[in-house]
PDB file of N, CA and C in Angstrom:
ATOM      1  N   MET A   1      -3.518 -16.236  -0.771  1.00  0.00           N
ATOM      2  CA  MET A   1      -3.376 -15.167  -0.210  1.00  0.00           C
ATOM      3  C   MET A   1      -2.194 -16.422   0.337  1.00  0.00           C
ATOM      4  N   GLU A   2      -0.795 -16.321   0.652  1.00  0.00           N
ATOM      5  CA  GLU A   2       0.344 -16.863   1.376  1.00  0.00           C
ATOM      6  C   GLU A   2       0.726 -16.636   2.170  1.00  0.00           C
ATOM      7  N   GLU A   3       0.756 -16.793   4.024  1.00  0.00           N
ATOM      8  CA  GLU A   3       1.274 -16.595   5.665  1.00  0.00           C
ATOM      9  C   GLU A   3       2.442 -15.627   4.834  1.00  0.00           C
ATOM     10  N   ASP A   4       3.863 -16.042   3.850  1.00  0.00           N
ATOM     11  CA  ASP A   4       5.251 -15.514   3.791  1.00  0.00           C
ATOM     12  C   ASP A   4       4.796 -13.917   2.788  1.00  0.00           C
ATOM     13  N   TRP A   5       3.888 -14.466   2.121  1.00  0.00           N
ATOM     14  CA  TRP A   5       3.703 -12.665   1.483  1.00  0.00           C
ATOM     15  C   TRP A   5       2.832 -11.751   2.186  1.00  0.00           C
ATOM     16  N   ALA A   6       2.904 -11.836   3.797  1.00  0.00           N
ATOM     17  CA  ALA A   6       1.545 -11.759   4.642  1.00  0.00           C
ATOM     18  C   ALA A   6       2.299 -11.227   5.473  1.00  0.00           C
ATOM     19  N   VAL A   7       3.169 -11.848   5.244  1.00  0.00           N
ATOM     20  CA  VAL A   7       4.475 -11.049   6.362  1.00  0.00           C
ATOM     21  C   VAL A   7       5.122 -10.007   5.419  1.00  0.00           C
ATOM     22  N   THR A   8       5.144 -10.647   4.379  1.00  0.00           N
ATOM     23  CA  THR A   8       6.518  -9.730   3.706  1.00  0.00           C
ATOM     24  C   THR A   8       5.797  -8.212   3.286  1.00  0.00           C
ATOM     25  N   ALA A   9       4.539  -8.060   3.884  1.00  0.00           N
ATOM     26  CA  ALA A   9       3.510  -7.287   3.331  1.00  0.00           C
ATOM     27  C   ALA A   9       3.161  -6.061   4.704  1.00  0.00           C
ATOM     28  N   LEU A  10       2.943  -6.964   5.295  1.00  0.00           N
ATOM     29  CA  LEU A  10       3.032  -6.461   6.874  1.00  0.00           C
ATOM     30  C   LEU A  10       4.415  -5.566   7.768  1.00  0.00           C
ATOM     31  N   ALA A  11       5.653  -6.499   7.270  1.00  0.00           N
ATOM     32  CA  ALA A  11       6.976  -6.226   7.661  1.00  0.00           C
ATOM     33  C   ALA A  11       7.472  -4.703   6.626  1.00  0.00           C
ATOM     34  N   ALA A  12       6.833  -4.517   5.739  1.00  0.00           N
ATOM     35  CA  ALA A  12       7.187  -3.478   5.133  1.00  0.00           C
ATOM     36  C   ALA A  12       6.060  -2.355   5.259  1.00  0.00           C
ATOM     37  N   LEU A  13       5.415  -2.552   5.217  1.00  0.00           N
ATOM     38  CA  LEU A  13       4.326  -1.107   7.034  1.00  0.00           C
ATOM     39  C   LEU A  13       4.484  -1.369   8.401  1.00  0.00           C
ATOM     40  N   ALA A  14       5.284  -1.932   8.521  1.00  0.00           N
ATOM     41  CA  ALA A  14       6.258  -2.045   9.939  1.00  0.00           C
ATOM     42  C   ALA A  14       6.797  -1.009  10.475  1.00  0.00           C
ATOM     43  N   GLN A  15       7.489  -0.001   9.587  1.00  0.00           N
ATOM     44  CA  GLN A  15       8.014   0.894   9.822  1.00  0.00           C
ATOM     45  C   GLN A  15       7.530   2.773   9.595  1.00  0.00           C
ATOM     46  N   SER A  16       7.362   3.684  10.435  1.00  0.00           N
ATOM     47  CA  SER A  16       6.401   4.633  10.262  1.00  0.00           C
ATOM     48  C   SER A  16       6.549   5.997   9.131  1.00  0.00           C
ATOM     49  N   SER A  17       8.182   5.243   8.826  1.00  0.00           N
ATOM     50  CA  SER A  17       8.358   6.288   7.420  1.00  0.00           C
ATOM     51  C   SER A  17       7.387   6.206   6.572  1.00  0.00           C
ATOM     52  N   ARG A  18       7.677   4.451   6.757  1.00  0.00           N
ATOM     53  CA  ARG A  18       7.459   3.859   5.564  1.00  0.00           C
ATOM     54  C   ARG A  18       5.633   3.561   5.409  1.00  0.00           C
ATOM     55  N   LEU A  19       5.305   3.749   6.808  1.00  0.00           N
ATOM     56  CA  LEU A  19       3.444   3.961   6.392  1.00  0.00           C
ATOM     57  C   LEU A  19       2.669   4.826   5.899  1.00  0.00           C
ATOM     58  N   ARG A  20       3.542   6.179   6.497  1.00  0.00           N
ATOM     59  CA  ARG A  20       3.223   7.261   6.572  1.00  0.00           C
ATOM     60  C   ARG A  20       4.051   7.534   4.276  1.00  0.00           C
ATOM     61  N   VAL A  21       4.593   6.516   3.470  1.00  0.00           N
ATOM     62  CA  VAL A  21       4.497   6.810   2.144  1.00  0.00           C
ATOM     63  C   VAL A  21       3.741   5.898   1.369  1.00  0.00           C
ATOM     64  N   PHE A  22       3.085   4.782   2.261  1.00  0.00           N
ATOM     65  CA  PHE A  22       1.997   4.270   1.762  1.00  0.00           C
ATOM     66  C   PHE A  22       0.944   5.001   1.639  1.00  0.00           C
ATOM     67  N   ARG A  23       0.212   5.916   2.695  1.00  0.00           N
ATOM     68  CA  ARG A  23      -0.569   6.142   3.347  1.00  0.00           C
ATOM     69  C   ARG A  23      -0.845   7.264   2.328  1.00  0.00           C
ATOM     70  N   ALA A  24       0.094   8.236   2.062  1.00  0.00           N
ATOM     71  CA  ALA A  24       0.422   9.262   1.074  1.00  0.00           C
ATOM     72  C   ALA A  24      -0.282   8.578  -0.431  1.00  0.00           C
ATOM     73  N   ILE A  25       0.459   7.986  -0.517  1.00  0.00           N
ATOM     74  CA  ILE A  25      -0.008   6.759  -2.192  1.00  0.00           C
ATOM     75  C   ILE A  25      -0.929   6.246  -1.892  1.00  0.00           C
ATOM     76  N   VAL A  26      -1.954   5.470  -0.913  1.00  0.00           N
ATOM     77  CA  VAL A  26      -3.251   6.081  -0.872  1.00  0.00           C
ATOM     78  C   VAL A  26      -4.451   6.694  -1.018  1.00  0.00           C
ATOM     79  N   GLY A  27      -3.072   8.052  -1.028  1.00  0.00           N
ATOM     80  CA  GLY A  27      -4.273   9.391  -0.433  1.00  0.00           C
ATOM     81  C   GLY A  27      -4.174   9.634  -1.727  1.00  0.00           C
ATOM     82  N   ALA A  28      -3.448   9.412  -2.843  1.00  0.00           N
ATOM     83  CA  ALA A  28      -2.960  10.207  -3.828  1.00  0.00           C
ATOM     84  C   ALA A  28      -4.532   9.771  -4.846  1.00  0.00           C
ATOM     85  N   SER A  29      -3.899  11.045  -5.833  1.00  0.00           N
ATOM     86  CA  SER A  29      -5.082  11.008  -7.184  1.00  0.00           C
ATOM     87  C   SER A  29      -4.803   9.647  -8.303  1.00  0.00           C
ATOM     88  N   PRO A  30      -5.490   8.484  -8.372  1.00  0.00           N
ATOM     89  CA  PRO A  30      -5.639   7.342  -9.312  1.00  0.00           C
ATOM     90  C   PRO A  30      -4.415   7.310  -9.836  1.00  0.00           C
ATOM     91  N   ASP A  31      -4.452   8.401 -10.849  1.00  0.00           N
ATOM     92  CA  ASP A  31      -2.899   8.416 -11.592  1.00  0.00           C
ATOM     93  C   ASP A  31      -1.649   8.565 -11.054  1.00  0.00           C
ATOM     94  N   GLY A  32      -2.043   7.752 -10.028  1.00  0.00           N
ATOM     95  CA  GLY A  32      -0.597   7.959  -9.086  1.00  0.00           C
ATOM     96  C   GLY A  32      -0.272  10.004  -8.607  1.00  0.00           C
ATOM     97  N   VAL A  33       1.345   9.396  -8.027  1.00  0.00           N
ATOM     98  CA  VAL A  33       2.302  10.891  -7.424  1.00  0.00           C
ATOM     99  C   VAL A  33       3.576  10.077  -7.676  1.00  0.00           C
ATOM    100  N   GLN A  34       4.485  10.979  -7.782  1.00  0.00           N
ATOM    101  CA  GLN A  34       5.333  11.905  -8.514  1.00  0.00           C
ATOM    102  C   GLN A  34       6.082  11.035  -7.155  1.00  0.00           C
ATOM    103  N   PRO A  35       7.524  10.095  -6.943  1.00  0.00           N
ATOM    104  CA  PRO A  35       8.405  10.732  -6.128  1.00  0.00           C
ATOM    105  C   PRO A  35       8.861  11.940  -4.931  1.00  0.00           C
ATOM    106  N   GLY A  36       9.047  12.738  -5.726  1.00  0.00           N
ATOM    107  CA  GLY A  36       9.758  14.416  -6.160  1.00  0.00           C
ATOM    108  C   GLY A  36       8.138  14.415  -4.986  1.00  0.00           C
ATOM    109  N   GLN A  37       6.971  14.269  -5.674  1.00  0.00           N
ATOM    110  CA  GLN A  37       5.899  15.387  -4.796  1.00  0.00           C
ATOM    111  C   GLN A  37       5.637  14.052  -3.196  1.00  0.00           C
ATOM    112  N   LEU A  38       6.622  13.726  -3.433  1.00  0.00           N
ATOM    113  CA  LEU A  38       6.018  12.578  -1.707  1.00  0.00           C
ATOM    114  C   LEU A  38       7.207  13.236  -1.362  1.00  0.00           C
ATOM    115  N   ALA A  39       8.397  13.269  -1.396  1.00  0.00           N
ATOM    116  CA  ALA A  39       9.455  14.033  -0.835  1.00  0.00           C
ATOM    117  C   ALA A  39       8.783  15.315  -0.070  1.00  0.00           C
ATOM    118  N   LEU A  40       8.070  15.945  -1.674  1.00  0.00           N
ATOM    119  CA  LEU A  40       7.774  17.348  -0.525  1.00  0.00           C
ATOM    120  C   LEU A  40       6.850  17.534   0.150  1.00  0.00           C
ATOM    121  N   ALA A  41       5.776  16.883  -0.217  1.00  0.00           N
ATOM    122  CA  ALA A  41       4.823  16.370   1.022  1.00  0.00           C
ATOM    123  C   ALA A  41       4.541  15.858   2.570  1.00  0.00           C
ATOM    124  N   LEU A  42       5.819  14.961   2.403  1.00  0.00           N
ATOM    125  CA  LEU A  42       6.021  14.305   3.385  1.00  0.00           C
ATOM    126  C   LEU A  42       7.835  14.879   4.394  1.00  0.00           C
ATOM    127  N   GLU A  43       8.231  14.911   3.843  1.00  0.00           N
ATOM    128  CA  GLU A  43       9.336  16.245   4.017  1.00  0.00           C
ATOM    129  C   GLU A  43      10.187  15.012   4.197  1.00  0.00           C
ATOM    130  N   VAL A  44      10.681  14.056   3.383  1.00  0.00           N
ATOM    131  CA  VAL A  44      11.533  13.133   3.318  1.00  0.00           C
ATOM    132  C   VAL A  44      12.704  13.395   2.531  1.00  0.00           C
ATOM    133  N   PRO A  45      14.121  12.917   3.309  1.00  0.00           N
ATOM    134  CA  PRO A  45      14.769  13.153   1.689  1.00  0.00           C
ATOM    135  C   PRO A  45      14.134  11.909   0.492  1.00  0.00           C
ATOM    136  N   ALA A  46      15.473  12.000  -0.317  1.00  0.00           N
ATOM    137  CA  ALA A  46      15.050  11.455  -1.711  1.00  0.00           C
ATOM    138  C   ALA A  46      15.437   9.728  -2.026  1.00  0.00           C
ATOM    139  N   ASN A  47      16.554  10.131  -1.412  1.00  0.00           N
ATOM    140  CA  ASN A  47      17.263   8.138  -1.079  1.00  0.00           C
ATOM    141  C   ASN A  47      16.548   7.972   0.399  1.00  0.00           C
ATOM    142  N   THR A  48      16.296   8.876   1.146  1.00  0.00           N
ATOM    143  CA  THR A  48      14.837   7.929   2.218  1.00  0.00           C
ATOM    144  C   THR A  48      13.593   7.140   1.539  1.00  0.00           C
ATOM    145  N   LEU A  49      13.652   7.861   0.724  1.00  0.00           N
ATOM    146  CA  LEU A  49      12.099   7.878   0.539  1.00  0.00           C
ATOM    147  C   LEU A  49      12.296   6.879  -0.889  1.00  0.00           C
ATOM    148  N   SER A  50      13.310   7.321  -1.976  1.00  0.00           N
ATOM    149  CA  SER A  50      13.530   5.716  -3.072  1.00  0.00           C
ATOM    150  C   SER A  50      13.065   4.552  -2.246  1.00  0.00           C
ATOM    151  N   PHE A  51      14.337   4.680  -0.894  1.00  0.00           N
ATOM    152  CA  PHE A  51      14.387   2.751   0.149  1.00  0.00           C
ATOM    153  C   PHE A  51      12.753   2.483   0.316  1.00  0.00           C
ATOM    154  N   HIS A  52      12.252   3.408   1.410  1.00  0.00           N
ATOM    155  CA  HIS A  52      10.792   2.717   1.653  1.00  0.00           C
ATOM    156  C   HIS A  52      10.480   2.570   0.148  1.00  0.00           C
ATOM    157  N   LEU A  53       9.493   3.426  -1.014  1.00  0.00           N
ATOM    158  CA  LEU A  53       9.452   2.978  -2.074  1.00  0.00           C
ATOM    159  C   LEU A  53       9.679   1.184  -2.774  1.00  0.00           C
ATOM    160  N   LYS A  54      11.326   1.491  -3.033  1.00  0.00           N
ATOM    161  CA  LYS A  54      11.843  -0.261  -3.144  1.00  0.00           C
ATOM    162  C   LYS A  54      10.871  -0.924  -2.923  1.00  0.00           C
ATOM    163  N   GLU A  55      10.678  -0.879  -0.482  1.00  0.00           N
ATOM    164  CA  GLU A  55      10.563  -1.653   0.421  1.00  0.00           C
ATOM    165  C   GLU A  55       8.831  -1.768  -0.336  1.00  0.00           C
ATOM    166  N   LEU A  56       8.653  -1.406  -0.622  1.00  0.00           N
ATOM    167  CA  LEU A  56       6.611  -0.962  -1.137  1.00  0.00           C
ATOM    168  C   LEU A  56       6.666  -1.465  -1.905  1.00  0.00           C
ATOM    169  N   HIS A  57       7.160  -1.009  -3.147  1.00  0.00           N
ATOM    170  CA  HIS A  57       7.838  -2.240  -4.687  1.00  0.00           C
ATOM    171  C   HIS A  57       7.734  -3.784  -4.053  1.00  0.00           C
ATOM    172  N   HIS A  58       7.944  -3.670  -3.479  1.00  0.00           N
ATOM    173  CA  HIS A  58       9.226  -5.190  -4.404  1.00  0.00           C
ATOM    174  C   HIS A  58       8.288  -6.345  -2.202  1.00  0.00           C
ATOM    175  N   ALA A  59       7.102  -5.636  -1.932  1.00  0.00           N
ATOM    176  CA  ALA A  59       6.290  -5.982  -0.815  1.00  0.00           C
ATOM    177  C   ALA A  59       5.024  -6.017  -1.851  1.00  0.00           C
ATOM    178  N   GLY A  60       4.672  -5.467  -2.713  1.00  0.00           N
ATOM    179  CA  GLY A  60       3.982  -5.588  -3.912  1.00  0.00           C
ATOM    180  C   GLY A  60       2.452  -5.038  -3.210  1.00  0.00           C
ATOM    181  N   LEU A  61       2.829  -3.649  -2.940  1.00  0.00           N
ATOM    182  CA  LEU A  61       1.211  -2.730  -1.812  1.00  0.00           C
ATOM    183  C   LEU A  61       1.723  -1.287  -3.013  1.00  0.00           C
ATOM    184  N   VAL A  62       2.849  -1.556  -3.926  1.00  0.00           N
ATOM    185  CA  VAL A  62       2.449  -0.404  -4.688  1.00  0.00           C
ATOM    186  C   VAL A  62       3.060  -0.708  -5.521  1.00  0.00           C
ATOM    187  N   SER A  63       2.248   0.128  -7.243  1.00  0.00           N
ATOM    188  CA  SER A  63       3.336  -0.270  -8.517  1.00  0.00           C
ATOM    189  C   SER A  63       3.076   0.427  -8.651  1.00  0.00           C
ATOM    190  N   VAL A  64       5.044   1.075  -9.896  1.00  0.00           N
ATOM    191  CA  VAL A  64       4.748   1.959 -10.114  1.00  0.00           C
ATOM    192  C   VAL A  64       5.765   2.175 -12.277  1.00  0.00           C
ATOM    193  N   ARG A  65       5.058   3.273 -12.627  1.00  0.00           N
ATOM    194  CA  ARG A  65       4.616   2.874 -14.097  1.00  0.00           C
ATOM    195  C   ARG A  65       5.599   4.530 -14.595  1.00  0.00           C
ATOM    196  N   ARG A  66       5.978   3.658 -15.509  1.00  0.00           N
ATOM    197  CA  ARG A  66       7.052   5.223 -16.256  1.00  0.00           C
ATOM    198  C   ARG A  66       6.529   5.760 -16.919  1.00  0.00           C
ATOM    199  N   GLU A  67       6.475   7.038 -17.246  1.00  0.00           N
ATOM    200  CA  GLU A  67       6.063   8.091 -18.629  1.00  0.00           C
ATOM    201  C   GLU A  67       7.014   8.895 -18.207  1.00  0.00           C
ATOM    202  N   GLY A  68       7.484   8.524 -19.884  1.00  0.00           N
ATOM    203  CA  GLY A  68       8.762   9.610 -20.221  1.00  0.00           C
ATOM    204  C   GLY A  68       9.709   9.220 -18.751  1.00  0.00           C
ATOM    205  N   ARG A  69      10.283  10.444 -18.393  1.00  0.00           N
ATOM    206  CA  ARG A  69      11.608  10.568 -17.178  1.00  0.00           C
ATOM    207  C   ARG A  69      11.080  10.262 -15.983  1.00  0.00           C
ATOM    208  N   PHE A  70       9.550  10.344 -16.165  1.00  0.00           N
ATOM    209  CA  PHE A  70       8.563   9.941 -14.492  1.00  0.00           C
ATOM    210  C   PHE A  70       8.925   9.194 -14.227  1.00  0.00           C
ATOM    211  N   LEU A  71       7.840   8.820 -13.325  1.00  0.00           N
ATOM    212  CA  LEU A  71       7.588   7.120 -12.363  1.00  0.00           C
ATOM    213  C   LEU A  71       6.634   7.838 -11.203  1.00  0.00           C
ATOM    214  N   HIS A  72       5.411   7.054 -11.696  1.00  0.00           N
ATOM    215  CA  HIS A  72       4.226   7.087 -11.402  1.00  0.00           C
ATOM    216  C   HIS A  72       4.088   5.865 -10.003  1.00  0.00           C
ATOM    217  N   TYR A  73       4.119   6.600  -8.204  1.00  0.00           N
ATOM    218  CA  TYR A  73       3.991   5.269  -7.903  1.00  0.00           C
ATOM    219  C   TYR A  73       2.213   5.048  -7.333  1.00  0.00           C
ATOM    220  N   ARG A  74       1.937   4.407  -7.743  1.00  0.00           N
ATOM    221  CA  ARG A  74       0.123   4.051  -6.712  1.00  0.00           C
ATOM    222  C   ARG A  74      -0.751   2.560  -5.711  1.00  0.00           C
ATOM    223  N   ALA A  75      -1.046   2.805  -5.288  1.00  0.00           N
ATOM    224  CA  ALA A  75      -1.121   2.010  -4.316  1.00  0.00           C
ATOM    225  C   ALA A  75      -1.956   0.448  -4.999  1.00  0.00           C
ATOM    226  N   ASP A  76      -1.393  -0.600  -4.733  1.00  0.00           N
ATOM    227  CA  ASP A  76      -2.632  -1.378  -5.326  1.00  0.00           C
ATOM    228  C   ASP A  76      -3.653  -2.048  -4.405  1.00  0.00           C
ATOM    229  N   MET A  77      -4.740  -1.292  -4.568  1.00  0.00           N
ATOM    230  CA  MET A  77      -6.023  -2.092  -3.804  1.00  0.00           C
ATOM    231  C   MET A  77      -6.208  -3.133  -3.924  1.00  0.00           C
ATOM    232  N   ALA A  78      -5.957  -3.264  -4.541  1.00  0.00           N
ATOM    233  CA  ALA A  78      -6.281  -5.581  -4.791  1.00  0.00           C
ATOM    234  C   ALA A  78      -5.424  -6.292  -3.632  1.00  0.00           C
ATOM    235  N   VAL A  79      -3.956  -5.434  -3.571  1.00  0.00           N
ATOM    236  CA  VAL A  79      -3.292  -6.103  -2.636  1.00  0.00           C
ATOM    237  C   VAL A  79      -3.047  -6.188  -1.472  1.00  0.00           C
ATOM    238  N   MET A  80      -3.954  -4.482  -1.111  1.00  0.00           N
ATOM    239  CA  MET A  80      -4.464  -4.172   0.128  1.00  0.00           C
ATOM    240  C   MET A  80      -5.622  -5.154   0.511  1.00  0.00           C
ATOM    241  N   GLN A  81      -6.461  -4.799  -0.165  1.00  0.00           N
ATOM    242  CA  GLN A  81      -8.056  -5.558   0.046  1.00  0.00           C
ATOM    243  C   GLN A  81      -7.133  -7.473   0.538  1.00  0.00           C
ATOM    244  N   SER A  82      -6.382  -7.916  -0.465  1.00  0.00           N
ATOM    245  CA  SER A  82      -6.702  -9.605  -0.169  1.00  0.00           C
ATOM    246  C   SER A  82      -5.422 -10.169   1.477  1.00  0.00           C
ATOM    247  N   LEU A  83      -4.777  -8.111   2.139  1.00  0.00           N
ATOM    248  CA  LEU A  83      -4.114  -8.769   3.138  1.00  0.00           C
ATOM    249  C   LEU A  83      -4.940  -8.101   4.304  1.00  0.00           C
ATOM    250  N   VAL A  84      -5.253  -7.657   3.796  1.00  0.00           N
ATOM    251  CA  VAL A  84      -6.884  -7.371   5.307  1.00  0.00           C
ATOM    252  C   VAL A  84      -8.092  -8.647   5.033  1.00  0.00           C
ATOM    253  N   GLY A  85      -8.145  -9.212   3.446  1.00  0.00           N
ATOM    254  CA  GLY A  85      -8.820 -10.239   4.043  1.00  0.00           C
ATOM    255  C   GLY A  85      -8.007 -11.632   4.423  1.00  0.00           C
ATOM    256  N   PHE A  86      -6.831 -12.168   4.603  1.00  0.00           N
ATOM    257  CA  PHE A  86      -6.144 -12.767   5.173  1.00  0.00           C
ATOM    258  C   PHE A  86      -5.905 -12.109   6.387  1.00  0.00           C
ATOM    259  N   LEU A  87      -5.587 -11.237   6.817  1.00  0.00           N
ATOM    260  CA  LEU A  87      -6.191 -10.928   7.962  1.00  0.00           C
ATOM    261  C   LEU A  87      -7.392 -11.260   9.575  1.00  0.00           C
ATOM    262  N   THR A  88      -7.667 -11.351   8.143  1.00  0.00           N
ATOM    263  CA  THR A  88      -9.300 -11.028   9.025  1.00  0.00           C
ATOM    264  C   THR A  88      -9.911 -12.834   8.428  1.00  0.00           C
ATOM    265  N   ALA A  89      -9.871 -14.147   7.556  1.00  0.00           N
ATOM    266  CA  ALA A  89     -10.806 -14.476   7.469  1.00  0.00           C
ATOM    267  C   ALA A  89     -10.930 -15.546   8.459  1.00  0.00           C
ATOM    268  N   HIS A  90     -10.241 -15.644   9.569  1.00  0.00           N
ATOM    269  CA  HIS A  90     -10.724 -16.769  10.533  1.00  0.00           C
ATOM    270  C   HIS A  90     -11.940 -15.838  12.185  1.00  0.00           C
ATOM    271  N   CYS A  91     -12.197 -14.895  11.527  1.00  0.00           N
ATOM    272  CA  CYS A  91     -12.687 -14.422  12.172  1.00  0.00           C
ATOM    273  C   CYS A  91     -13.894 -14.861  12.645  1.00  0.00           C
ATOM    274  N   CYS A  92     -14.262 -14.556  13.802  1.00  0.00           N
ATOM    275  CA  CYS A  92     -15.939 -14.972  14.708  1.00  0.00           C
ATOM    276  C   CYS A  92     -15.768 -16.548  13.990  1.00  0.00           C
ATOM    277  N   GLY A  93     -14.953 -17.266  14.546  1.00  0.00           N
ATOM    278  CA  GLY A  93     -15.253 -18.778  13.860  1.00  0.00           C
ATOM    279  C   GLY A  93     -15.961 -18.879  12.808  1.00  0.00           C
ATOM    280  N   GLY A  94     -15.661 -18.469  11.681  1.00  0.00           N
ATOM    281  CA  GLY A  94     -15.781 -19.003  10.405  1.00  0.00           C
ATOM    282  C   GLY A  94     -17.289 -18.159  10.122  1.00  0.00           C
ATOM    283  N   LEU A  95     -18.386 -17.745  10.920  1.00  0.00           N
ATOM    284  CA  LEU A  95     -19.346 -17.345  11.060  1.00  0.00           C
ATOM    285  C   LEU A  95     -19.462 -15.587  10.581  1.00  0.00           C
ATOM    286  N   PRO A  96     -20.715 -15.331   9.579  1.00  0.00           N
ATOM    287  CA  PRO A  96     -21.039 -13.941   9.234  1.00  0.00           C
ATOM    288  C   PRO A  96     -20.588 -13.378  10.017  1.00  0.00           C
ATOM    289  N   CYS A  97     -19.719 -11.928  10.550  1.00  0.00           N
ATOM    290  CA  CYS A  97     -19.851 -11.005  11.245  1.00  0.00           C
ATOM    291  C   CYS A  97     -20.170 -10.044  10.569  1.00  0.00           C
ATOM    292  N   THR A  98     -21.170 -10.000  11.772  1.00  0.00           N
ATOM    293  CA  THR A  98     -21.832  -8.615  11.944  1.00  0.00           C
ATOM    294  C   THR A  98     -21.118  -7.687  12.770  1.00  0.00           C
ATOM    295  N   ASP A  99     -20.848  -7.613  13.396  1.00  0.00           N
ATOM    296  CA  ASP A  99     -19.905  -5.838  13.770  1.00  0.00           C
ATOM    297  C   ASP A  99     -18.690  -5.546  13.597  1.00  0.00           C
ATOM    298  N   MET A 100     -17.764  -6.471  12.245  1.00  0.00           N
ATOM    299  CA  MET A 100     -16.909  -6.075  12.198  1.00  0.00           C
ATOM    300  C   MET A 100     -16.481  -5.079  10.234  1.00  0.00           C
ATOM    301  N   PRO A 101     -16.842  -4.052  10.998  1.00  0.00           N
ATOM    302  CA  PRO A 101     -16.831  -3.293   9.883  1.00  0.00           C
ATOM    303  C   PRO A 101     -15.954  -3.467   8.599  1.00  0.00           C
ATOM    304  N   SER A 102     -16.602  -3.468   7.106  1.00  0.00           N
ATOM    305  CA  SER A 102     -16.631  -3.867   6.226  1.00  0.00           C
ATOM    306  C   SER A 102     -14.756  -3.109   5.415  1.00  0.00           C
ATOM    307  N   VAL A 103     -13.896  -3.470   4.623  1.00  0.00           N
ATOM    308  CA  VAL A 103     -13.154  -2.871   3.861  1.00  0.00           C
ATOM    309  C   VAL A 103     -13.104  -2.782   2.396  1.00  0.00           C
ATOM    310  N   THR A 104     -13.520  -1.632   1.832  1.00  0.00           N
ATOM    311  CA  THR A 104     -13.999  -1.735   0.833  1.00  0.00           C
ATOM    312  C   THR A 104     -13.568  -0.277  -0.021  1.00  0.00           C
ATOM    313  N   CYS A 105     -12.819  -1.053  -1.235  1.00  0.00           N
ATOM    314  CA  CYS A 105     -12.555  -0.200  -2.421  1.00  0.00           C
ATOM    315  C   CYS A 105     -12.597  -0.317  -3.369  1.00  0.00           C
ATOM    316  N   GLU A 106     -13.886   0.715  -4.879  1.00  0.00           N
ATOM    317  CA  GLU A 106     -14.157  -0.063  -5.771  1.00  0.00           C
ATOM    318  C   GLU A 106     -12.092  -0.276  -6.401  1.00  0.00           C
ATOM    319  N   VAL A 107     -11.487  -1.506  -6.687  1.00  0.00           N
ATOM    320  CA  VAL A 107     -10.668  -1.392  -7.119  1.00  0.00           C
ATOM    321  C   VAL A 107     -10.853  -1.044  -8.583  1.00  0.00           C
ATOM    322  N   SER A 108     -11.982  -1.182  -9.046  1.00  0.00           N
ATOM    323  CA  SER A 108     -11.476  -0.300 -10.401  1.00  0.00           C
ATOM    324  C   SER A 108     -11.550   1.912 -10.481  1.00  0.00           C
ATOM    325  N   ASN A 109     -11.874   2.435  -9.698  1.00  0.00           N
ATOM    326  CA  ASN A 109     -11.589   3.907  -9.173  1.00  0.00           C
ATOM    327  C   ASN A 109     -10.357   3.458  -8.032  1.00  0.00           C
ATOM    328  N   CYS A 110      -9.069   3.180  -7.924  1.00  0.00           N
ATOM    329  CA  CYS A 110      -7.925   3.467  -6.843  1.00  0.00           C
ATOM    330  C   CYS A 110      -7.326   3.165  -7.527  1.00  0.00           C
TER     331      CYS A 110
END
């Protein structure tokens, strides 16, 4: 993972509403969630939500799939794991970290 990409991803998450959107997408079904469902659940206007989704997609944190006229947004857990790995790559002076919890997600299930 490149440092510039990590900065882009972290910047995308460094806004409270956008972080709420991302967390809601992570908690959605593996098939993804439609913007209308997110807007209702988070009580966010559609145009504001569209802006946040665009930023998360641009950062590579979410993917979008079109099904007819519907869009489905899904968190890219492999990218999120790469980001966490980048942030923790140099912990413990290069020694195995026994105190550090592991972030795992079966990517095939997420």
